[in-house]
Amino acid sequence: MVTINKDEILKKGYVDVKVRAEGMRQSHRLHVKKQQTAHGLVPMLVAQHYIPRKELVKLAEQFQLPVKHKDVVALPKGKMPKDFAEPGTKPAKVKIEADTVEAEVED
């Protein structure tokens, strides 16, 4: 088994993986893309095709990097996005507004 560390993956820009999806073993290429978060730019391995959540978690643990497919992000155990934020990047400006509910009273 060939091992690759996260520094090599970030330098190369992608990693080829084999995962089990829908009962079949499939090969996928995960590309490194930097996502803007509230903590700054975070490099994530992004899958273009479907990978089950269970496999995303395994990949995140194996490579010690966040793995993303559509709106699902898997992080290594005990880590948060701020642990991967690149130093010197500015966090995204987040604006939070309270939901307003307008109700009318009928007589």
N, C-alpha and C. Protein backbone atom coordinates (compact mmCIF):
# COMPACT_ATOMS: atom_id res chain seq x y z
N MET A 1 0.84 -1.18 0.00
CA MET A 1 0.00 0.00 0.00
C MET A 1 0.89 1.25 0.00
N VAL A 2 0.62 2.15 -0.90
CA VAL A 2 1.39 3.38 -1.01
C VAL A 2 0.77 4.41 -0.08
N THR A 3 1.61 5.03 0.73
CA THR A 3 1.10 6.08 1.62
C THR A 3 1.50 7.44 1.08
N ILE A 4 0.62 8.39 1.26
CA ILE A 4 0.88 9.74 0.80
C ILE A 4 0.42 10.68 1.92
N ASN A 5 1.23 11.67 2.22
CA ASN A 5 0.85 12.57 3.31
C ASN A 5 0.14 13.80 2.75
N LYS A 6 -0.44 14.58 3.66
CA LYS A 6 -1.27 15.70 3.21
C LYS A 6 -0.46 16.80 2.54
N ASP A 7 0.81 16.97 2.91
CA ASP A 7 1.64 17.99 2.26
C ASP A 7 1.85 17.66 0.78
N GLU A 8 2.05 16.37 0.48
CA GLU A 8 2.21 15.95 -0.91
C GLU A 8 0.92 16.15 -1.70
N ILE A 9 -0.21 15.86 -1.07
CA ILE A 9 -1.50 16.03 -1.73
C ILE A 9 -1.74 17.51 -2.05
N LEU A 10 -1.47 18.39 -1.08
CA LEU A 10 -1.68 19.82 -1.29
C LEU A 10 -0.76 20.35 -2.38
N LYS A 11 0.47 19.85 -2.44
CA LYS A 11 1.42 20.29 -3.45
C LYS A 11 1.01 19.80 -4.84
N LYS A 12 0.55 18.55 -4.91
CA LYS A 12 0.18 17.94 -6.18
C LYS A 12 -1.15 18.49 -6.72
N GLY A 13 -2.09 18.78 -5.80
CA GLY A 13 -3.37 19.34 -6.22
C GLY A 13 -4.48 18.33 -6.40
N TYR A 14 -4.17 17.05 -6.29
CA TYR A 14 -5.19 16.01 -6.39
C TYR A 14 -4.66 14.71 -5.79
N VAL A 15 -5.57 13.78 -5.58
CA VAL A 15 -5.19 12.45 -5.11
C VAL A 15 -6.17 11.45 -5.72
N ASP A 16 -5.66 10.31 -6.16
CA ASP A 16 -6.50 9.24 -6.69
C ASP A 16 -6.81 8.25 -5.57
N VAL A 17 -8.08 7.91 -5.42
CA VAL A 17 -8.50 7.01 -4.34
C VAL A 17 -9.39 5.91 -4.89
N LYS A 18 -9.47 4.83 -4.14
CA LYS A 18 -10.40 3.75 -4.45
C LYS A 18 -11.38 3.65 -3.29
N VAL A 19 -12.67 3.69 -3.61
CA VAL A 19 -13.71 3.63 -2.58
C VAL A 19 -14.73 2.57 -2.94
N ARG A 20 -15.48 2.13 -1.94
CA ARG A 20 -16.56 1.18 -2.17
C ARG A 20 -17.87 1.95 -2.14
N ALA A 21 -18.53 1.99 -3.30
CA ALA A 21 -19.81 2.69 -3.42
C ALA A 21 -20.79 1.80 -4.15
N GLU A 22 -21.98 1.68 -3.60
CA GLU A 22 -23.03 0.86 -4.20
C GLU A 22 -22.57 -0.57 -4.43
N GLY A 23 -21.76 -1.09 -3.52
CA GLY A 23 -21.30 -2.47 -3.61
C GLY A 23 -20.18 -2.72 -4.59
N MET A 24 -19.69 -1.67 -5.24
CA MET A 24 -18.60 -1.82 -6.21
C MET A 24 -17.41 -1.00 -5.78
N ARG A 25 -16.24 -1.45 -6.15
CA ARG A 25 -15.02 -0.70 -5.88
C ARG A 25 -14.81 0.27 -7.03
N GLN A 26 -14.71 1.55 -6.72
CA GLN A 26 -14.60 2.58 -7.75
C GLN A 26 -13.35 3.42 -7.53
N SER A 27 -12.81 3.94 -8.63
CA SER A 27 -11.67 4.86 -8.56
C SER A 27 -12.18 6.28 -8.75
N HIS A 28 -11.71 7.18 -7.91
CA HIS A 28 -12.10 8.59 -7.99
C HIS A 28 -10.86 9.46 -7.86
N ARG A 29 -10.91 10.62 -8.47
CA ARG A 29 -9.86 11.62 -8.30
C ARG A 29 -10.45 12.78 -7.52
N LEU A 30 -9.85 13.05 -6.37
CA LEU A 30 -10.28 14.16 -5.53
C LEU A 30 -9.33 15.33 -5.76
N HIS A 31 -9.88 16.48 -6.12
CA HIS A 31 -9.08 17.67 -6.38
C HIS A 31 -9.05 18.56 -5.14
N VAL A 32 -7.94 19.22 -4.92
CA VAL A 32 -7.81 20.15 -3.81
C VAL A 32 -8.39 21.50 -4.24
N LYS A 33 -9.39 21.96 -3.51
CA LYS A 33 -9.98 23.27 -3.78
C LYS A 33 -10.05 24.01 -2.47
N LYS A 34 -9.75 25.29 -2.52
CA LYS A 34 -9.79 26.11 -1.31
C LYS A 34 -11.17 26.74 -1.18
N GLN A 35 -11.81 26.47 -0.05
CA GLN A 35 -13.14 26.98 0.22
C GLN A 35 -13.06 28.11 1.22
N GLN A 36 -13.78 29.18 0.96
CA GLN A 36 -13.83 30.30 1.89
C GLN A 36 -14.79 29.95 3.03
N THR A 37 -14.31 30.02 4.25
CA THR A 37 -15.14 29.74 5.42
C THR A 37 -15.06 30.91 6.39
N ALA A 38 -15.73 30.78 7.49
CA ALA A 38 -15.69 31.83 8.51
C ALA A 38 -14.32 31.92 9.18
N HIS A 39 -13.47 30.93 8.97
CA HIS A 39 -12.14 30.90 9.58
C HIS A 39 -11.04 31.27 8.58
N GLY A 40 -11.38 31.49 7.32
CA GLY A 40 -10.40 31.79 6.28
C GLY A 40 -10.47 30.73 5.19
N LEU A 41 -9.45 30.68 4.33
CA LEU A 41 -9.40 29.69 3.26
C LEU A 41 -9.02 28.33 3.82
N VAL A 42 -9.83 27.33 3.50
CA VAL A 42 -9.58 25.97 3.98
C VAL A 42 -9.44 25.05 2.77
N PRO A 43 -8.29 24.36 2.60
CA PRO A 43 -8.15 23.42 1.49
C PRO A 43 -8.98 22.16 1.77
N MET A 44 -9.76 21.75 0.77
CA MET A 44 -10.59 20.55 0.90
C MET A 44 -10.39 19.66 -0.31
N LEU A 45 -10.49 18.36 -0.08
CA LEU A 45 -10.51 17.41 -1.18
C LEU A 45 -11.95 17.32 -1.66
N VAL A 46 -12.18 17.67 -2.92
CA VAL A 46 -13.54 17.74 -3.44
C VAL A 46 -13.77 16.61 -4.43
N ALA A 47 -14.85 15.85 -4.22
CA ALA A 47 -15.23 14.75 -5.11
C ALA A 47 -16.24 15.26 -6.12
N GLN A 48 -16.04 14.90 -7.38
CA GLN A 48 -16.98 15.31 -8.42
C GLN A 48 -18.16 14.34 -8.51
N HIS A 49 -17.91 13.09 -8.16
CA HIS A 49 -18.95 12.06 -8.26
C HIS A 49 -19.33 11.57 -6.87
N TYR A 50 -20.45 10.90 -6.79
CA TYR A 50 -21.00 10.44 -5.51
C TYR A 50 -20.04 9.50 -4.79
N ILE A 51 -19.82 9.80 -3.52
CA ILE A 51 -19.10 8.91 -2.61
C ILE A 51 -19.93 8.86 -1.33
N PRO A 52 -20.24 7.66 -0.82
CA PRO A 52 -21.04 7.56 0.41
C PRO A 52 -20.37 8.26 1.58
N ARG A 53 -21.17 8.72 2.52
CA ARG A 53 -20.65 9.45 3.68
C ARG A 53 -19.66 8.62 4.48
N LYS A 54 -19.93 7.34 4.60
CA LYS A 54 -19.04 6.45 5.34
C LYS A 54 -17.64 6.46 4.73
N GLU A 55 -17.57 6.45 3.41
CA GLU A 55 -16.28 6.48 2.71
C GLU A 55 -15.62 7.85 2.82
N LEU A 56 -16.43 8.92 2.82
CA LEU A 56 -15.87 10.27 2.99
C LEU A 56 -15.17 10.39 4.33
N VAL A 57 -15.78 9.82 5.37
CA VAL A 57 -15.17 9.87 6.71
C VAL A 57 -13.87 9.09 6.72
N LYS A 58 -13.85 7.92 6.08
CA LYS A 58 -12.61 7.12 6.01
C LYS A 58 -11.50 7.89 5.31
N LEU A 59 -11.84 8.56 4.21
CA LEU A 59 -10.83 9.32 3.46
C LEU A 59 -10.32 10.50 4.27
N ALA A 60 -11.21 11.18 4.97
CA ALA A 60 -10.80 12.31 5.81
C ALA A 60 -9.83 11.85 6.89
N GLU A 61 -10.10 10.70 7.49
CA GLU A 61 -9.21 10.15 8.52
C GLU A 61 -7.87 9.73 7.91
N GLN A 62 -7.93 9.12 6.74
CA GLN A 62 -6.71 8.62 6.09
C GLN A 62 -5.77 9.75 5.70
N PHE A 63 -6.31 10.81 5.10
CA PHE A 63 -5.47 11.89 4.59
C PHE A 63 -5.33 13.06 5.57
N GLN A 64 -6.11 13.06 6.65
CA GLN A 64 -6.11 14.15 7.63
C GLN A 64 -6.39 15.50 6.97
N LEU A 65 -7.35 15.48 6.03
CA LEU A 65 -7.83 16.68 5.35
C LEU A 65 -9.35 16.62 5.26
N PRO A 66 -10.03 17.76 5.19
CA PRO A 66 -11.48 17.74 4.98
C PRO A 66 -11.79 17.21 3.58
N VAL A 67 -12.85 16.42 3.47
CA VAL A 67 -13.28 15.87 2.19
C VAL A 67 -14.72 16.32 1.97
N LYS A 68 -15.02 16.79 0.75
CA LYS A 68 -16.33 17.37 0.47
C LYS A 68 -16.94 16.77 -0.79
N HIS A 69 -18.25 16.52 -0.73
CA HIS A 69 -19.03 16.17 -1.92
C HIS A 69 -20.36 16.90 -1.81
N LYS A 70 -20.64 17.75 -2.76
CA LYS A 70 -21.81 18.63 -2.76
C LYS A 70 -21.88 19.41 -1.46
N ASP A 71 -22.86 19.13 -0.60
CA ASP A 71 -22.98 19.90 0.64
C ASP A 71 -22.54 19.11 1.87
N VAL A 72 -21.94 17.94 1.67
CA VAL A 72 -21.48 17.10 2.78
C VAL A 72 -19.97 17.28 2.95
N VAL A 73 -19.55 17.65 4.16
CA VAL A 73 -18.12 17.81 4.46
C VAL A 73 -17.77 16.86 5.59
N ALA A 74 -16.75 16.02 5.36
CA ALA A 74 -16.26 15.11 6.39
C ALA A 74 -14.92 15.63 6.88
N LEU A 75 -14.78 15.70 8.19
CA LEU A 75 -13.54 16.17 8.81
C LEU A 75 -12.91 15.04 9.60
N PRO A 76 -11.57 15.05 9.73
CA PRO A 76 -10.93 14.05 10.59
C PRO A 76 -11.41 14.19 12.03
N LYS A 77 -11.40 13.08 12.75
CA LYS A 77 -11.89 13.06 14.13
C LYS A 77 -11.14 14.07 14.99
N GLY A 78 -11.91 14.88 15.72
CA GLY A 78 -11.32 15.84 16.64
C GLY A 78 -10.84 17.13 15.99
N LYS A 79 -11.10 17.32 14.71
CA LYS A 79 -10.65 18.53 14.00
C LYS A 79 -11.85 19.38 13.62
N MET A 80 -11.57 20.67 13.43
CA MET A 80 -12.57 21.63 12.98
C MET A 80 -12.00 22.38 11.78
N PRO A 81 -12.85 23.05 10.99
CA PRO A 81 -12.33 23.77 9.83
C PRO A 81 -11.23 24.77 10.17
N LYS A 82 -11.30 25.39 11.35
CA LYS A 82 -10.28 26.38 11.72
C LYS A 82 -8.90 25.75 11.86
N ASP A 83 -8.83 24.43 12.09
CA ASP A 83 -7.54 23.74 12.20
C ASP A 83 -6.83 23.66 10.84
N PHE A 84 -7.58 23.80 9.74
CA PHE A 84 -7.01 23.68 8.40
C PHE A 84 -6.88 25.03 7.70
N ALA A 85 -7.39 26.10 8.31
CA ALA A 85 -7.35 27.43 7.69
C ALA A 85 -5.92 27.85 7.44
N GLU A 86 -5.68 28.40 6.26
CA GLU A 86 -4.34 28.84 5.90
C GLU A 86 -3.99 30.10 6.69
N PRO A 87 -2.79 30.15 7.24
CA PRO A 87 -2.41 31.34 8.00
C PRO A 87 -2.32 32.56 7.09
N GLY A 88 -2.76 33.68 7.60
CA GLY A 88 -2.67 34.92 6.84
C GLY A 88 -3.87 35.19 5.96
N THR A 89 -4.85 34.28 5.91
CA THR A 89 -6.05 34.54 5.11
C THR A 89 -7.11 35.16 5.99
N LYS A 90 -7.87 36.05 5.40
CA LYS A 90 -8.90 36.74 6.16
C LYS A 90 -10.18 35.90 6.17
N PRO A 91 -10.84 35.85 7.31
CA PRO A 91 -12.10 35.12 7.38
C PRO A 91 -13.17 35.80 6.54
N ALA A 92 -14.13 35.01 6.10
CA ALA A 92 -15.25 35.56 5.33
C ALA A 92 -16.12 36.39 6.26
N LYS A 93 -16.68 37.44 5.72
CA LYS A 93 -17.59 38.26 6.51
C LYS A 93 -18.95 37.57 6.52
N VAL A 94 -19.40 37.25 7.69
CA VAL A 94 -20.66 36.54 7.85
C VAL A 94 -21.67 37.48 8.47
N LYS A 95 -22.82 37.59 7.83
CA LYS A 95 -23.87 38.46 8.34
C LYS A 95 -25.04 37.57 8.76
N ILE A 96 -25.40 37.66 10.01
CA ILE A 96 -26.49 36.84 10.53
C ILE A 96 -27.65 37.75 10.88
N GLU A 97 -28.79 37.42 10.34
CA GLU A 97 -29.99 38.20 10.63
C GLU A 97 -31.02 37.29 11.27
N ALA A 98 -31.72 37.81 12.23
CA ALA A 98 -32.77 37.04 12.88
C ALA A 98 -33.95 36.89 11.93
N ASP A 99 -34.58 35.74 11.96
CA ASP A 99 -35.78 35.53 11.15
C ASP A 99 -36.91 36.36 11.73
N THR A 100 -37.63 37.02 10.86
CA THR A 100 -38.77 37.81 11.33
C THR A 100 -40.05 37.12 10.93
N VAL A 101 -40.96 37.07 11.83
CA VAL A 101 -42.25 36.45 11.56
C VAL A 101 -43.32 37.51 11.80
N GLU A 102 -44.10 37.74 10.77
CA GLU A 102 -45.18 38.70 10.90
C GLU A 102 -46.49 37.95 10.95
N ALA A 103 -47.26 38.26 11.92
CA ALA A 103 -48.55 37.58 12.07
C ALA A 103 -49.65 38.62 12.19
N GLU A 104 -50.78 38.26 11.68
CA GLU A 104 -51.94 39.13 11.79
C GLU A 104 -52.95 38.47 12.71
N VAL A 105 -53.58 39.28 13.51
CA VAL A 105 -54.61 38.75 14.42
C VAL A 105 -55.96 38.99 13.79
N GLU A 106 -56.71 37.91 13.66
CA GLU A 106 -58.05 38.03 13.10
C GLU A 106 -59.06 38.14 14.22
N ASP A 107 -60.06 39.00 14.02
CA ASP A 107 -61.12 39.17 15.04
C ASP A 107 -62.21 38.16 14.86
